[in-house]
Amino acid sequence: MSLGAARPESHPERLTAHEARQRLEHERNSRLAQLNASEQAGHEADDHLMAAQRDAIQRVLKEIDAAFARVQDGSYGTCQECAKPIPVERLEILPYARCCVPCQRRTV
């Protein structure tokens, strides 16, 4: 999916670079808040569970950084497996998605 300058409100087909960055910033801030909360609660909970949660959050933060790089190089919104556009609905829900749903299912 290429990034357009604007998108029609009735049937959005692509996110603008600005919209993509905003969604990614929101995701990053949410994950950083989760990471901070898990570190503060770490002394009260199971260490193994908290470590697994922190690892998962850090993996998502790396995915978000990679998505920012794709916005920068112009490949954001294009499936890294089949090179087809990732539907805007998927990017609205998971802004750091690298693949379309069919390709993601094949890689899992």
Protein backbone atom coordinates (compact mmCIF):
# COMPACT_ATOMS: atom_id res chain seq x y z
CA MET A 1 0.00 0.00 0.00
CA SER A 2 1.42 3.32 -0.96
CA LEU A 3 1.05 6.39 1.17
CA GLY A 4 -1.16 9.10 -0.27
CA ALA A 5 -1.30 12.78 0.54
CA ALA A 6 -4.94 12.49 1.58
CA ARG A 7 -7.52 9.78 1.80
CA PRO A 8 -11.23 9.91 1.22
CA GLU A 9 -13.25 9.53 4.40
CA SER A 10 -15.94 7.36 2.80
CA HIS A 11 -13.64 4.49 1.78
CA PRO A 12 -10.08 4.82 3.00
CA GLU A 13 -7.63 2.78 0.92
CA ARG A 14 -4.33 4.00 2.33
CA LEU A 15 -2.82 5.79 5.29
CA THR A 16 -0.83 8.94 4.81
CA ALA A 17 2.74 8.99 6.12
CA HIS A 18 1.55 11.40 8.82
CA GLU A 19 -1.27 9.05 9.88
CA ALA A 20 1.11 6.08 9.93
CA ARG A 21 3.60 7.96 12.11
CA GLN A 22 0.83 9.04 14.50
CA ARG A 23 -0.44 5.47 14.89
CA LEU A 24 3.09 4.16 15.38
CA GLU A 25 3.87 6.84 17.98
CA HIS A 26 0.70 5.90 19.86
CA GLU A 27 1.66 2.21 19.78
CA ARG A 28 5.21 3.00 20.92
CA ASN A 29 3.98 5.17 23.80
CA SER A 30 1.49 2.47 24.88
CA ARG A 31 4.17 -0.22 24.86
CA LEU A 32 6.64 1.97 26.75
CA ALA A 33 3.97 2.61 29.40
CA GLN A 34 3.36 -1.15 29.64
CA LEU A 35 7.07 -1.79 29.96
CA ASN A 36 7.39 0.84 32.68
CA ALA A 37 4.42 -0.59 34.58
CA SER A 38 5.77 -4.14 34.35
CA GLU A 39 9.15 -3.03 35.65
CA GLN A 40 7.56 -1.25 38.60
CA ALA A 41 5.36 -4.25 39.40
CA GLY A 42 8.19 -6.72 38.88
CA HIS A 43 8.95 -7.18 42.56
CA GLU A 44 5.36 -8.22 43.30
CA ALA A 45 4.84 -10.84 40.61
CA ASP A 46 6.36 -14.02 39.23
CA ASP A 47 9.78 -13.09 37.84
CA HIS A 48 9.52 -15.54 34.92
CA LEU A 49 6.14 -14.22 33.86
CA MET A 50 7.28 -10.60 34.12
CA ALA A 51 10.45 -11.35 32.14
CA ALA A 52 8.39 -12.98 29.39
CA GLN A 53 6.05 -10.00 29.31
CA ARG A 54 8.96 -7.54 29.07
CA ASP A 55 10.53 -9.61 26.27
CA ALA A 56 7.27 -9.56 24.32
CA ILE A 57 6.92 -5.79 24.73
CA GLN A 58 10.52 -5.26 23.62
CA ARG A 59 9.91 -7.41 20.51
CA VAL A 60 6.90 -5.23 19.63
CA LEU A 61 8.98 -2.08 20.16
CA LYS A 62 11.51 -3.45 17.64
CA GLU A 63 8.66 -4.11 15.20
CA ILE A 64 7.46 -0.53 15.68
CA ASP A 65 10.96 0.82 14.99
CA ALA A 66 11.09 -1.30 11.82
CA ALA A 67 7.71 0.12 10.77
CA PHE A 68 9.04 3.66 11.22
CA ALA A 69 11.91 2.72 8.90
CA ARG A 70 9.41 1.44 6.32
CA VAL A 71 7.51 4.74 6.50
CA GLN A 72 10.81 6.52 5.91
CA ASP A 73 11.84 4.37 2.92
CA GLY A 74 8.35 4.32 1.39
CA SER A 75 7.66 0.60 1.80
CA TYR A 76 5.19 0.98 4.69
CA GLY A 77 1.88 -0.69 3.95
CA THR A 78 3.31 -3.16 1.45
CA CYS A 79 3.39 -6.84 2.44
CA GLN A 80 6.98 -8.01 2.82
CA GLU A 81 6.03 -11.47 1.56
CA CYS A 82 3.76 -10.96 -1.47
CA ALA A 83 4.38 -7.22 -2.14
CA LYS A 84 0.64 -6.50 -2.25
CA PRO A 85 -0.90 -3.62 -0.28
CA ILE A 86 -1.77 -4.37 3.33
CA PRO A 87 -5.42 -3.35 3.87
CA VAL A 88 -5.78 -0.07 5.74
CA GLU A 89 -8.08 -1.77 8.25
CA ARG A 90 -5.21 -4.07 9.27
CA LEU A 91 -2.81 -1.14 9.61
CA GLU A 92 -5.33 0.77 11.71
CA ILE A 93 -5.49 -2.16 14.13
CA LEU A 94 -1.84 -3.24 13.92
CA PRO A 95 0.13 -0.28 12.52
CA TYR A 96 3.44 -2.16 12.62
CA ALA A 97 2.15 -5.10 10.53
CA ARG A 98 4.78 -6.36 8.08
CA CYS A 99 2.49 -8.72 6.17
CA CYS A 100 -1.05 -9.03 4.94
CA VAL A 101 -3.21 -11.53 6.83
CA PRO A 102 -2.90 -14.41 4.31
CA CYS A 103 0.92 -14.15 4.30
CA GLN A 104 1.04 -13.78 8.09
CA ARG A 105 -0.99 -16.99 8.43
CA ARG A 106 1.49 -18.82 6.20
CA THR A 107 4.48 -17.66 8.28
CA VAL A 108 3.04 -18.65 11.67
